[in-house]
Amino acid sequence: MTINELEGRPPISDPYHYHEWDYQIQLERPSWATVLERRPPLGELEVIEKIVADNKPVISRLKYLIESMIPQAMQRIRRQEDGDELDINAAVRAMIDIRMGQQPDTRIMMRYKRNVRDLAVMVLLDMSESSNDKVRGHDYSIMDLSRAATVLLSDALDRIGDPFALHGFCSDGRHDVHYYRFKDFDQPYNDLVKARLAGLKGSYSTRMGAALRHAGEQLKLQPKSKKVLFIITDGEPADNDVRDPQYLRFDTKRAVEELARDGITVYALSLDPHADQYVARIFGAKNFTVLDKVERLPEKLPMLYMGLTR
C-alpha cells in the first residue's frame, strides 16, 4: 500500500520529465520540468445538466452544423478502371460505343469509399488560480465558462464521431506540474467524464510548455493524419519559481514549434484581453483567437472547432 492510499489521498502517477528551452543561453535544459498526473475530483452531474439547459439556443444552432459534418457512411465513386463492382450505366455506354465502332471508355467499374474524418483533437484546459476570477459584470467565473464551453464542444464532438480527449493542467513550480485527464481518446463521453468536468477547480500557476509537451505525447499516439491541440487559457505562461516573464513565453513557443514538427497543430483560445501583446509570438499569426467578450466562450469554442476542422 502506498502512503497516498494509507492517508486517503488520491494517487499520483510516476513522474514524467520534460526539457525546457532557455532563450538566454539558447539551449534546452534537459529533464527540467516534472509532470505528475493526478486523479480529477468529481463534482455533481447537475452542474453539467444546468449548462445544457442554459445553452439550448446554442445547442440547436450547433445541431445543423454537426449534421453537415457527420460523414455519410459510404460514398460511391463511379467511372473507375478497377473497383468493387460493375457500373452498369458506364458498361452500357461502353457497349453502345463498341457497337457503333467507337473507342469505348474503359472506366466501367465503381469503387466504394468509406467516409471517415481523419482527425483527432485534444482540448487542454488552463486550470490556474486566475481561472477562479469572476467575469467582469457577472457572477460566474472564467472556470465556469471554460467548463460550459468544454461541455458544449464535447457534446458536438461526440455526435460528429471525432475522437477527442479532455485534459487540464496547472503548476506549482517546475517540479510539480499538475496534470488531469478528464477523458482520454479511448473513453466514452459519459457521466464519469461529466462528473470530472463538474469538479473542475483552478489553483496554482501556468507552466504551459511542459503541459503542452505532455499533451502532445498522448496526441502523437493517435493514428490520424490531422491532429489538433486546443488550449483554452486566461493568461500567459507563468510560474511561481520564474522571475523573467519572457522565459516561459519562449519555452511555450518552442513547445508549439516542436509539436508542429510532429504534425500537431496547437491552437490557442485566449480569454486574456491583453493577450495580443504575446499570443501571436507564441502560437503563430493564424493559430489563436483572443475573445474580447469572455462570456461568449461557450458558443464560440464549438463554432471555432467546426470552422477549423471542416
Protein backbone atom coordinates (compact mmCIF):
# COMPACT_ATOMS: atom_id res chain seq x y z
CA MET A 1 0.00 0.00 0.00
CA THR A 2 1.31 3.46 -0.86
CA ILE A 3 1.49 6.41 1.57
CA ASN A 4 -1.16 8.18 -0.52
CA GLU A 5 -3.54 5.22 -0.13
CA LEU A 6 -2.85 4.98 3.63
CA GLU A 7 -3.60 8.67 4.08
CA GLY A 8 -6.65 8.53 1.81
CA ARG A 9 -5.16 10.90 -0.75
CA PRO A 10 -5.76 10.36 -4.48
CA PRO A 11 -2.88 8.58 -6.22
CA ILE A 12 -0.24 10.46 -8.24
CA SER A 13 1.42 9.00 -11.32
CA ASP A 14 5.08 8.26 -11.80
CA PRO A 15 6.89 11.47 -12.81
CA TYR A 16 7.21 12.50 -16.46
CA HIS A 17 10.27 14.65 -17.13
CA TYR A 18 10.45 17.23 -19.92
CA HIS A 19 13.14 19.58 -21.16
CA GLU A 20 12.68 23.36 -21.21
CA TRP A 21 14.09 25.91 -23.60
CA ASP A 22 16.20 28.66 -22.05
CA TYR A 23 16.14 31.52 -24.54
CA GLN A 24 19.00 33.36 -22.84
CA ILE A 25 21.56 30.59 -23.30
CA GLN A 26 19.77 29.23 -26.44
CA LEU A 27 19.87 25.68 -25.08
CA GLU A 28 17.47 23.07 -23.78
CA ARG A 29 17.60 22.32 -20.06
CA PRO A 30 17.20 18.51 -20.01
CA SER A 31 14.59 16.93 -17.67
CA TRP A 32 13.89 20.35 -16.20
CA ALA A 33 10.14 20.17 -15.59
CA THR A 34 8.24 17.32 -13.94
CA VAL A 35 4.63 16.49 -14.83
CA LEU A 36 2.62 14.47 -12.31
CA GLU A 37 -0.76 13.11 -13.34
CA ARG A 38 -3.44 13.33 -10.65
CA ARG A 39 -6.92 11.88 -10.44
CA PRO A 40 -9.51 14.63 -11.08
CA PRO A 41 -12.01 15.27 -8.26
CA LEU A 42 -15.67 14.51 -9.02
CA GLY A 43 -18.45 17.09 -8.94
CA GLU A 44 -22.24 16.97 -9.19
CA LEU A 45 -23.80 15.98 -12.53
CA GLU A 46 -26.49 18.67 -12.02
CA VAL A 47 -23.77 21.25 -12.85
CA ILE A 48 -23.45 19.76 -16.36
CA GLU A 49 -27.22 19.35 -16.79
CA LYS A 50 -27.67 23.05 -15.98
CA ILE A 51 -25.06 24.01 -18.63
CA VAL A 52 -27.03 22.04 -21.25
CA ALA A 53 -30.34 23.62 -20.11
CA ASP A 54 -28.89 27.17 -20.10
CA ASN A 55 -27.41 26.81 -23.59
CA LYS A 56 -30.37 25.37 -25.50
CA PRO A 57 -30.25 28.08 -28.26
CA VAL A 58 -26.52 27.43 -28.89
CA ILE A 59 -27.11 23.64 -28.96
CA SER A 60 -29.91 23.95 -31.52
CA ARG A 61 -27.69 26.20 -33.71
CA LEU A 62 -24.92 23.63 -33.45
CA LYS A 63 -27.21 20.74 -34.45
CA TYR A 64 -27.40 21.97 -38.04
CA LEU A 65 -23.61 22.41 -38.24
CA ILE A 66 -23.00 18.99 -36.69
CA GLU A 67 -25.26 17.22 -39.19
CA SER A 68 -23.37 18.83 -42.07
CA MET A 69 -20.09 17.47 -40.65
CA ILE A 70 -21.09 13.88 -39.89
CA PRO A 71 -19.60 11.81 -42.74
CA GLN A 72 -22.07 9.78 -44.81
CA ALA A 73 -21.13 6.15 -44.22
CA MET A 74 -20.30 5.10 -47.80
CA GLN A 75 -19.62 7.10 -50.95
CA ARG A 76 -19.97 5.55 -54.41
CA ILE A 77 -17.23 6.62 -56.85
CA ARG A 78 -18.20 5.90 -60.46
CA ARG A 79 -16.16 5.54 -63.68
CA GLN A 80 -13.14 3.71 -62.29
CA GLU A 81 -10.68 1.49 -64.22
CA ASP A 82 -10.91 -1.07 -61.42
CA GLY A 83 -13.22 -1.23 -58.42
CA ASP A 84 -15.65 -3.19 -56.28
CA GLU A 85 -18.45 -3.78 -58.80
CA LEU A 86 -19.60 -3.04 -62.35
CA ASP A 87 -21.02 0.45 -63.05
CA ILE A 88 -24.00 -0.69 -65.18
CA ASN A 89 -24.63 2.70 -66.81
CA ALA A 90 -20.96 3.08 -67.81
CA ALA A 91 -20.85 -0.53 -69.10
CA VAL A 92 -23.96 0.02 -71.28
CA ARG A 93 -22.41 3.22 -72.72
CA ALA A 94 -19.19 1.30 -73.50
CA MET A 95 -21.17 -1.47 -75.29
CA ILE A 96 -23.01 1.13 -77.38
CA ASP A 97 -19.68 2.75 -78.31
CA ILE A 98 -18.24 -0.66 -79.37
CA ARG A 99 -21.35 -1.42 -81.48
CA MET A 100 -21.01 1.97 -83.16
CA GLY A 101 -17.34 1.32 -83.88
CA GLN A 102 -16.12 3.98 -81.47
CA GLN A 103 -13.39 3.74 -78.83
CA PRO A 104 -15.20 2.84 -75.56
CA ASP A 105 -14.45 4.43 -72.18
CA THR A 106 -12.83 1.62 -70.20
CA ARG A 107 -13.76 3.14 -66.83
CA ILE A 108 -16.76 0.87 -66.22
CA MET A 109 -16.25 -0.02 -62.55
CA MET A 110 -17.44 1.53 -59.27
CA ARG A 111 -15.50 1.81 -56.04
CA TYR A 112 -16.93 2.30 -52.56
CA LYS A 113 -15.14 4.65 -50.21
CA ARG A 114 -15.87 4.76 -46.51
CA ASN A 115 -16.05 8.37 -45.34
CA VAL A 116 -14.19 8.97 -42.12
CA ARG A 117 -12.97 12.29 -40.69
CA ASP A 118 -9.26 11.55 -40.28
CA LEU A 119 -8.84 13.76 -37.25
CA ALA A 120 -8.02 13.62 -33.51
CA VAL A 121 -8.40 16.57 -31.15
CA MET A 122 -7.17 17.27 -27.63
CA VAL A 123 -8.70 20.06 -25.53
CA LEU A 124 -6.27 21.26 -22.84
CA LEU A 125 -7.70 23.47 -20.09
CA ASP A 126 -5.63 26.01 -18.18
CA MET A 127 -6.69 25.39 -14.56
CA SER A 128 -4.56 28.05 -12.89
CA GLU A 129 -5.75 30.09 -9.87
CA SER A 130 -6.79 33.05 -12.05
CA SER A 131 -9.49 30.92 -13.71
CA ASN A 132 -11.47 31.25 -10.45
CA ASP A 133 -11.77 35.03 -11.05
CA LYS A 134 -15.26 36.30 -11.75
CA VAL A 135 -16.01 37.58 -15.25
CA ARG A 136 -16.40 41.36 -15.07
CA GLY A 137 -20.05 42.31 -14.54
CA HIS A 138 -21.18 38.71 -13.96
CA ASP A 139 -21.48 36.32 -11.02
CA TYR A 140 -19.80 33.37 -12.76
CA SER A 141 -16.08 32.64 -13.07
CA ILE A 142 -13.76 32.09 -16.04
CA MET A 143 -13.59 28.42 -14.98
CA ASP A 144 -17.42 28.19 -15.18
CA LEU A 145 -17.22 29.45 -18.77
CA SER A 146 -14.36 27.07 -19.67
CA ARG A 147 -16.40 24.17 -18.28
CA ALA A 148 -19.52 25.22 -20.22
CA ALA A 149 -17.54 25.59 -23.46
CA THR A 150 -15.91 22.18 -22.95
CA VAL A 151 -19.30 20.53 -22.32
CA LEU A 152 -20.86 22.03 -25.47
CA LEU A 153 -17.84 21.13 -27.60
CA SER A 154 -17.71 17.58 -26.18
CA ASP A 155 -21.40 17.11 -26.92
CA ALA A 156 -20.80 18.20 -30.52
CA LEU A 157 -17.68 16.04 -30.98
CA ASP A 158 -19.47 13.04 -29.52
CA ARG A 159 -22.21 13.41 -32.15
CA ILE A 160 -19.83 14.04 -35.06
CA GLY A 161 -17.77 11.00 -34.03
CA ASP A 162 -14.37 12.71 -33.94
CA PRO A 163 -12.01 11.04 -31.42
CA PHE A 164 -11.19 13.54 -28.66
CA ALA A 165 -9.55 13.86 -25.26
CA LEU A 166 -10.12 16.43 -22.49
CA HIS A 167 -7.14 17.21 -20.24
CA GLY A 168 -6.19 20.05 -17.90
CA PHE A 169 -3.18 21.43 -16.05
CA CYS A 170 -1.79 23.88 -13.51
CA SER A 171 1.65 24.10 -11.87
CA ASP A 172 3.35 24.71 -8.55
CA GLY A 173 6.93 25.22 -9.73
CA ARG A 174 8.92 23.21 -12.26
CA HIS A 175 9.00 20.06 -10.11
CA ASP A 176 5.21 19.85 -9.78
CA VAL A 177 3.15 20.39 -12.93
CA HIS A 178 -0.30 19.01 -12.08
CA TYR A 179 -1.95 17.20 -15.00
CA TYR A 180 -5.52 15.88 -15.13
CA ARG A 181 -7.17 13.55 -17.65
CA PHE A 182 -10.93 14.07 -17.71
CA LYS A 183 -11.41 11.99 -20.85
CA ASP A 184 -8.93 10.00 -22.92
CA PHE A 185 -9.32 9.16 -26.61
CA ASP A 186 -10.47 5.60 -25.97
CA GLN A 187 -13.03 6.56 -23.31
CA PRO A 188 -16.70 7.29 -23.99
CA TYR A 189 -18.09 10.73 -23.16
CA ASN A 190 -20.22 9.54 -20.25
CA ASP A 191 -21.40 10.51 -16.74
CA LEU A 192 -17.97 9.82 -15.20
CA VAL A 193 -16.33 12.30 -17.60
CA LYS A 194 -19.11 14.83 -16.92
CA ALA A 195 -18.66 14.44 -13.15
CA ARG A 196 -14.93 15.11 -13.56
CA LEU A 197 -15.70 18.28 -15.55
CA ALA A 198 -18.20 19.31 -12.86
CA GLY A 199 -15.39 19.07 -10.28
CA LEU A 200 -13.05 21.48 -12.13
CA LYS A 201 -11.28 23.94 -9.84
CA GLY A 202 -8.49 26.42 -10.51
CA SER A 203 -5.26 26.56 -8.49
CA TYR A 204 -1.55 27.48 -8.71
CA SER A 205 0.17 28.69 -11.91
CA THR A 206 0.51 28.11 -15.67
CA ARG A 207 3.67 26.23 -16.79
CA MET A 208 2.31 25.84 -20.30
CA GLY A 209 5.29 24.38 -22.19
CA ALA A 210 5.54 21.26 -20.01
CA ALA A 211 1.76 20.68 -20.18
CA LEU A 212 1.75 21.07 -23.99
CA ARG A 213 4.63 18.59 -24.37
CA HIS A 214 2.82 16.06 -22.16
CA ALA A 215 -0.48 16.50 -24.03
CA GLY A 216 1.42 16.17 -27.32
CA GLU A 217 2.80 12.78 -26.24
CA GLN A 218 -0.77 11.45 -25.93
CA LEU A 219 -1.85 13.02 -29.23
CA LYS A 220 1.14 11.56 -31.11
CA LEU A 221 -0.17 8.05 -30.38
CA GLN A 222 -3.38 8.70 -32.36
CA PRO A 223 -3.31 7.08 -35.83
CA LYS A 224 -4.84 10.12 -37.55
CA SER A 225 -3.42 12.35 -40.28
CA LYS A 226 -4.72 15.60 -38.72
CA LYS A 227 -4.08 16.30 -35.03
CA VAL A 228 -5.23 19.47 -33.27
CA LEU A 229 -4.40 20.54 -29.74
CA PHE A 230 -6.75 23.28 -28.47
CA ILE A 231 -5.56 25.13 -25.39
CA ILE A 232 -8.04 27.33 -23.54
CA THR A 233 -6.22 29.81 -21.31
CA ASP A 234 -6.95 33.05 -19.49
CA GLY A 235 -3.36 34.27 -19.24
CA GLU A 236 0.24 33.95 -20.34
CA PRO A 237 2.69 31.19 -19.28
CA ALA A 238 3.94 31.86 -15.73
CA ASP A 239 5.04 30.01 -12.61
CA ASN A 240 5.96 30.82 -9.03
CA ASP A 241 9.65 29.90 -9.47
CA VAL A 242 10.23 32.01 -12.61
CA ARG A 243 11.04 35.73 -12.36
CA ASP A 244 11.76 36.51 -16.02
CA PRO A 245 8.34 36.79 -17.76
CA GLN A 246 9.97 36.05 -21.14
CA TYR A 247 11.42 32.69 -20.07
CA LEU A 248 8.20 30.63 -20.12
CA ARG A 249 6.84 32.51 -23.13
CA PHE A 250 9.87 31.43 -25.17
CA ASP A 251 9.67 27.88 -23.81
CA THR A 252 5.97 27.63 -24.75
CA LYS A 253 6.75 28.97 -28.24
CA ARG A 254 9.42 26.29 -28.52
CA ALA A 255 6.96 23.58 -27.39
CA VAL A 256 4.46 24.72 -30.04
CA GLU A 257 7.20 24.51 -32.72
CA GLU A 258 8.25 21.02 -31.54
CA LEU A 259 4.65 19.79 -31.77
CA ALA A 260 4.25 21.33 -35.23
CA ARG A 261 7.25 19.25 -36.38
CA ASP A 262 5.39 16.17 -35.12
CA GLY A 263 2.33 17.11 -37.19
CA ILE A 264 0.31 18.58 -34.32
CA THR A 265 -1.35 21.98 -34.73
CA VAL A 266 -1.63 23.91 -31.47
CA TYR A 267 -4.48 26.44 -31.43
CA ALA A 268 -4.92 28.84 -28.51
CA LEU A 269 -8.19 30.34 -27.40
CA SER A 270 -7.18 33.15 -25.06
CA LEU A 271 -9.54 34.82 -22.60
CA ASP A 272 -6.92 37.42 -21.65
CA PRO A 273 -7.86 40.88 -23.02
CA HIS A 274 -4.13 41.78 -23.08
CA ALA A 275 -3.10 38.61 -24.93
CA ASP A 276 -2.46 40.46 -28.21
CA GLN A 277 0.87 41.55 -26.73
CA TYR A 278 2.25 37.99 -26.67
CA VAL A 279 -0.11 35.34 -28.06
CA ALA A 280 0.82 35.70 -31.77
CA ARG A 281 4.53 35.38 -30.93
CA ILE A 282 3.89 32.13 -29.04
CA PHE A 283 1.32 30.38 -31.25
CA GLY A 284 1.84 31.94 -34.68
CA ALA A 285 -0.17 34.55 -36.56
CA LYS A 286 -3.08 32.27 -37.54
CA ASN A 287 -3.29 29.82 -34.64
CA PHE A 288 -5.08 31.81 -31.97
CA THR A 289 -8.26 33.70 -31.15
CA VAL A 290 -8.48 36.33 -28.41
CA LEU A 291 -12.02 36.56 -27.05
CA ASP A 292 -12.74 40.12 -26.05
CA LYS A 293 -16.17 39.09 -24.74
CA VAL A 294 -15.27 36.19 -22.47
CA GLU A 295 -18.94 35.39 -21.80
CA ARG A 296 -19.25 34.26 -25.43
CA LEU A 297 -16.81 31.36 -24.94
CA PRO A 298 -19.45 28.57 -24.71
CA GLU A 299 -20.86 29.40 -28.15
CA LYS A 300 -17.53 30.45 -29.67
CA LEU A 301 -15.47 27.30 -28.97
CA PRO A 302 -17.68 24.76 -30.82
CA MET A 303 -18.16 27.16 -33.77
CA LEU A 304 -14.40 27.75 -33.93
CA TYR A 305 -13.78 24.00 -33.92
CA MET A 306 -16.27 23.44 -36.75
CA GLY A 307 -14.58 26.15 -38.83
CA LEU A 308 -11.06 24.84 -38.26
CA THR A 309 -11.76 21.17 -38.95
CA ARG A 310 -14.30 21.32 -41.77
